[in-house]
């Protein structure tokens, strides 16, 4: 039989359990950072700021005859938003689907907040 007492064994188990909890907490933090970086919103933001996103924005602006897709009033490109017709919060798989995007006034975009058309 081993020379270790039950009391010592319990102490080792409790210390090990505490260490496992610390490691798990660290892993959870890393996972949260990874999920945030690769979230549908972050993925869209990266595309929007890319050359492809900027080219799409100009093309879409011209296709919409320089008008807001929501209120149909004239729109300045520099003051516009790229709006998700079906919101990212409800439809994350559509975050980069160009058929789900349009150009709007910021106020028109924000007034719809998370509503489907």
C-alpha atoms as a PDB file:
ATOM      1  CA  UNK A   1       0.000   0.000   0.000  1.00  0.00           C
ATOM      2  CA  UNK A   2       1.065   3.593  -0.533  1.00  0.00           C
ATOM      3  CA  UNK A   3       2.454   5.778   2.237  1.00  0.00           C
ATOM      4  CA  UNK A   4       0.128   8.669   1.328  1.00  0.00           C
ATOM      5  CA  UNK A   5      -2.745   9.315   3.695  1.00  0.00           C
ATOM      6  CA  UNK A   6      -6.311   9.894   2.644  1.00  0.00           C
ATOM      7  CA  UNK A   7      -6.016  13.484   3.865  1.00  0.00           C
ATOM      8  CA  UNK A   8      -2.977  14.130   1.651  1.00  0.00           C
ATOM      9  CA  UNK A   9      -4.678  12.494  -1.314  1.00  0.00           C
ATOM     10  CA  UNK A  10      -7.784  14.666  -0.873  1.00  0.00           C
ATOM     11  CA  UNK A  11      -5.546  17.767  -0.682  1.00  0.00           C
ATOM     12  CA  UNK A  12      -3.792  16.819  -3.934  1.00  0.00           C
ATOM     13  CA  UNK A  13      -7.105  16.201  -5.664  1.00  0.00           C
ATOM     14  CA  UNK A  14      -8.497  19.573  -4.562  1.00  0.00           C
ATOM     15  CA  UNK A  15      -5.344  21.421  -5.709  1.00  0.00           C
ATOM     16  CA  UNK A  16      -5.488  19.624  -9.054  1.00  0.00           C
ATOM     17  CA  UNK A  17      -9.137  20.535  -9.413  1.00  0.00           C
ATOM     18  CA  UNK A  18      -8.323  24.204  -8.765  1.00  0.00           C
ATOM     19  CA  UNK A  19      -5.546  24.099 -11.390  1.00  0.00           C
ATOM     20  CA  UNK A  20      -7.902  22.540 -13.924  1.00  0.00           C
ATOM     21  CA  UNK A  21     -10.422  25.322 -13.250  1.00  0.00           C
ATOM     22  CA  UNK A  22      -7.734  27.989 -13.878  1.00  0.00           C
ATOM     23  CA  UNK A  23      -6.676  26.322 -17.123  1.00  0.00           C
ATOM     24  CA  UNK A  24     -10.271  26.009 -18.281  1.00  0.00           C
ATOM     25  CA  UNK A  25     -10.877  29.699 -17.526  1.00  0.00           C
ATOM     26  CA  UNK A  26      -7.827  30.610 -19.647  1.00  0.00           C
ATOM     27  CA  UNK A  27      -9.044  28.411 -22.491  1.00  0.00           C
ATOM     28  CA  UNK A  28     -12.516  29.980 -22.310  1.00  0.00           C
ATOM     29  CA  UNK A  29     -10.965  33.457 -22.661  1.00  0.00           C
ATOM     30  CA  UNK A  30      -9.011  32.405 -25.737  1.00  0.00           C
ATOM     31  CA  UNK A  31     -12.098  30.787 -27.278  1.00  0.00           C
ATOM     32  CA  UNK A  32     -14.130  33.967 -26.657  1.00  0.00           C
ATOM     33  CA  UNK A  33     -11.474  36.074 -28.416  1.00  0.00           C
ATOM     34  CA  UNK A  34     -11.415  33.694 -31.382  1.00  0.00           C
ATOM     35  CA  UNK A  35     -15.217  33.662 -31.632  1.00  0.00           C
ATOM     36  CA  UNK A  36     -15.309  37.466 -31.504  1.00  0.00           C
ATOM     37  CA  UNK A  37     -12.637  37.804 -34.210  1.00  0.00           C
ATOM     38  CA  UNK A  38     -14.405  35.387 -36.543  1.00  0.00           C
ATOM     39  CA  UNK A  39     -17.978  36.352 -35.720  1.00  0.00           C
ATOM     40  CA  UNK A  40     -20.341  37.162 -38.595  1.00  0.00           C
ATOM     41  CA  UNK A  41     -20.223  40.873 -37.633  1.00  0.00           C
ATOM     42  CA  UNK A  42     -16.403  40.969 -37.604  1.00  0.00           C
ATOM     43  CA  UNK A  43     -16.297  39.064 -40.887  1.00  0.00           C
ATOM     44  CA  UNK A  44     -18.686  41.609 -42.453  1.00  0.00           C
ATOM     45  CA  UNK A  45     -16.740  44.572 -41.034  1.00  0.00           C
ATOM     46  CA  UNK A  46     -13.526  43.202 -42.539  1.00  0.00           C
ATOM     47  CA  UNK A  47     -15.190  42.776 -45.932  1.00  0.00           C
ATOM     48  CA  UNK A  48     -16.851  46.217 -45.794  1.00  0.00           C
ATOM     49  CA  UNK A  49     -13.475  47.867 -45.214  1.00  0.00           C
ATOM     50  CA  UNK A  50     -11.724  45.817 -47.918  1.00  0.00           C
ATOM     51  CA  UNK A  51     -11.189  46.869 -51.545  1.00  0.00           C
ATOM     52  CA  UNK A  52     -13.910  44.406 -52.613  1.00  0.00           C
ATOM     53  CA  UNK A  53     -16.333  45.882 -50.102  1.00  0.00           C
ATOM     54  CA  UNK A  54     -15.603  49.432 -51.232  1.00  0.00           C
ATOM     55  CA  UNK A  55     -16.017  48.478 -54.903  1.00  0.00           C
ATOM     56  CA  UNK A  56     -19.329  46.774 -54.150  1.00  0.00           C
ATOM     57  CA  UNK A  57     -20.514  49.835 -52.247  1.00  0.00           C
ATOM     58  CA  UNK A  58     -19.848  52.140 -55.218  1.00  0.00           C
ATOM     59  CA  UNK A  59     -21.471  49.736 -57.691  1.00  0.00           C
ATOM     60  CA  UNK A  60     -24.533  49.277 -55.472  1.00  0.00           C
ATOM     61  CA  UNK A  61     -24.817  53.033 -54.910  1.00  0.00           C
ATOM     62  CA  UNK A  62     -24.946  53.551 -58.683  1.00  0.00           C
ATOM     63  CA  UNK A  63     -27.379  50.624 -59.180  1.00  0.00           C
ATOM     64  CA  UNK A  64     -29.695  52.269 -56.650  1.00  0.00           C
ATOM     65  CA  UNK A  65     -29.468  55.531 -58.634  1.00  0.00           C
ATOM     66  CA  UNK A  66     -27.749  57.194 -55.681  1.00  0.00           C
ATOM     67  CA  UNK A  67     -30.875  56.821 -53.578  1.00  0.00           C
ATOM     68  CA  UNK A  68     -31.542  55.147 -50.249  1.00  0.00           C
ATOM     69  CA  UNK A  69     -33.003  51.657 -50.694  1.00  0.00           C
ATOM     70  CA  UNK A  70     -35.356  52.234 -47.745  1.00  0.00           C
ATOM     71  CA  UNK A  71     -36.837  55.744 -48.204  1.00  0.00           C
ATOM     72  CA  UNK A  72     -35.845  56.236 -51.883  1.00  0.00           C
ATOM     73  CA  UNK A  73     -34.529  59.761 -51.192  1.00  0.00           C
ATOM     74  CA  UNK A  74     -31.176  60.981 -52.588  1.00  0.00           C
ATOM     75  CA  UNK A  75     -28.148  59.743 -50.711  1.00  0.00           C
ATOM     76  CA  UNK A  76     -24.495  60.758 -50.455  1.00  0.00           C
ATOM     77  CA  UNK A  77     -22.199  57.742 -50.644  1.00  0.00           C
ATOM     78  CA  UNK A  78     -19.868  59.052 -47.932  1.00  0.00           C
ATOM     79  CA  UNK A  79     -22.813  59.359 -45.534  1.00  0.00           C
ATOM     80  CA  UNK A  80     -24.352  55.960 -46.292  1.00  0.00           C
ATOM     81  CA  UNK A  81     -24.590  52.641 -44.499  1.00  0.00           C
ATOM     82  CA  UNK A  82     -24.462  49.153 -45.920  1.00  0.00           C
ATOM     83  CA  UNK A  83     -27.662  47.639 -44.599  1.00  0.00           C
ATOM     84  CA  UNK A  84     -28.441  43.959 -44.152  1.00  0.00           C
ATOM     85  CA  UNK A  85     -31.979  43.335 -45.376  1.00  0.00           C
ATOM     86  CA  UNK A  86     -32.125  40.296 -43.113  1.00  0.00           C
ATOM     87  CA  UNK A  87     -30.155  41.289 -39.994  1.00  0.00           C
ATOM     88  CA  UNK A  88     -26.921  39.571 -39.027  1.00  0.00           C
ATOM     89  CA  UNK A  89     -28.249  38.949 -35.525  1.00  0.00           C
ATOM     90  CA  UNK A  90     -31.016  36.700 -36.883  1.00  0.00           C
ATOM     91  CA  UNK A  91     -29.339  35.455 -40.078  1.00  0.00           C
ATOM     92  CA  UNK A  92     -25.572  35.253 -39.461  1.00  0.00           C
ATOM     93  CA  UNK A  93     -25.146  32.967 -42.482  1.00  0.00           C
ATOM     94  CA  UNK A  94     -26.201  35.888 -44.736  1.00  0.00           C
ATOM     95  CA  UNK A  95     -23.579  38.315 -43.417  1.00  0.00           C
ATOM     96  CA  UNK A  96     -21.698  38.398 -46.748  1.00  0.00           C
ATOM     97  CA  UNK A  97     -24.509  37.459 -49.125  1.00  0.00           C
ATOM     98  CA  UNK A  98     -24.563  40.403 -51.559  1.00  0.00           C
ATOM     99  CA  UNK A  99     -28.256  39.780 -52.268  1.00  0.00           C
ATOM    100  CA  UNK A 100     -28.880  40.632 -48.612  1.00  0.00           C
ATOM    101  CA  UNK A 101     -27.101  44.004 -48.756  1.00  0.00           C
ATOM    102  CA  UNK A 102     -28.177  47.464 -49.831  1.00  0.00           C
ATOM    103  CA  UNK A 103     -27.179  51.097 -49.319  1.00  0.00           C
ATOM    104  CA  UNK A 104     -29.250  53.280 -46.981  1.00  0.00           C
ATOM    105  CA  UNK A 105     -29.175  56.469 -44.979  1.00  0.00           C
ATOM    106  CA  UNK A 106     -27.765  55.786 -41.501  1.00  0.00           C
ATOM    107  CA  UNK A 107     -31.098  56.814 -39.966  1.00  0.00           C
ATOM    108  CA  UNK A 108     -33.060  54.466 -42.245  1.00  0.00           C
ATOM    109  CA  UNK A 109     -30.724  51.601 -41.411  1.00  0.00           C
ATOM    110  CA  UNK A 110     -30.790  52.204 -37.661  1.00  0.00           C
ATOM    111  CA  UNK A 111     -34.565  52.730 -37.544  1.00  0.00           C
ATOM    112  CA  UNK A 112     -35.032  49.181 -38.873  1.00  0.00           C
ATOM    113  CA  UNK A 113     -32.671  47.723 -36.295  1.00  0.00           C
ATOM    114  CA  UNK A 114     -32.940  43.913 -36.412  1.00  0.00           C
ATOM    115  CA  UNK A 115     -36.236  43.871 -38.289  1.00  0.00           C
ATOM    116  CA  UNK A 116     -36.700  41.819 -41.440  1.00  0.00           C
ATOM    117  CA  UNK A 117     -38.134  43.530 -44.485  1.00  0.00           C
END
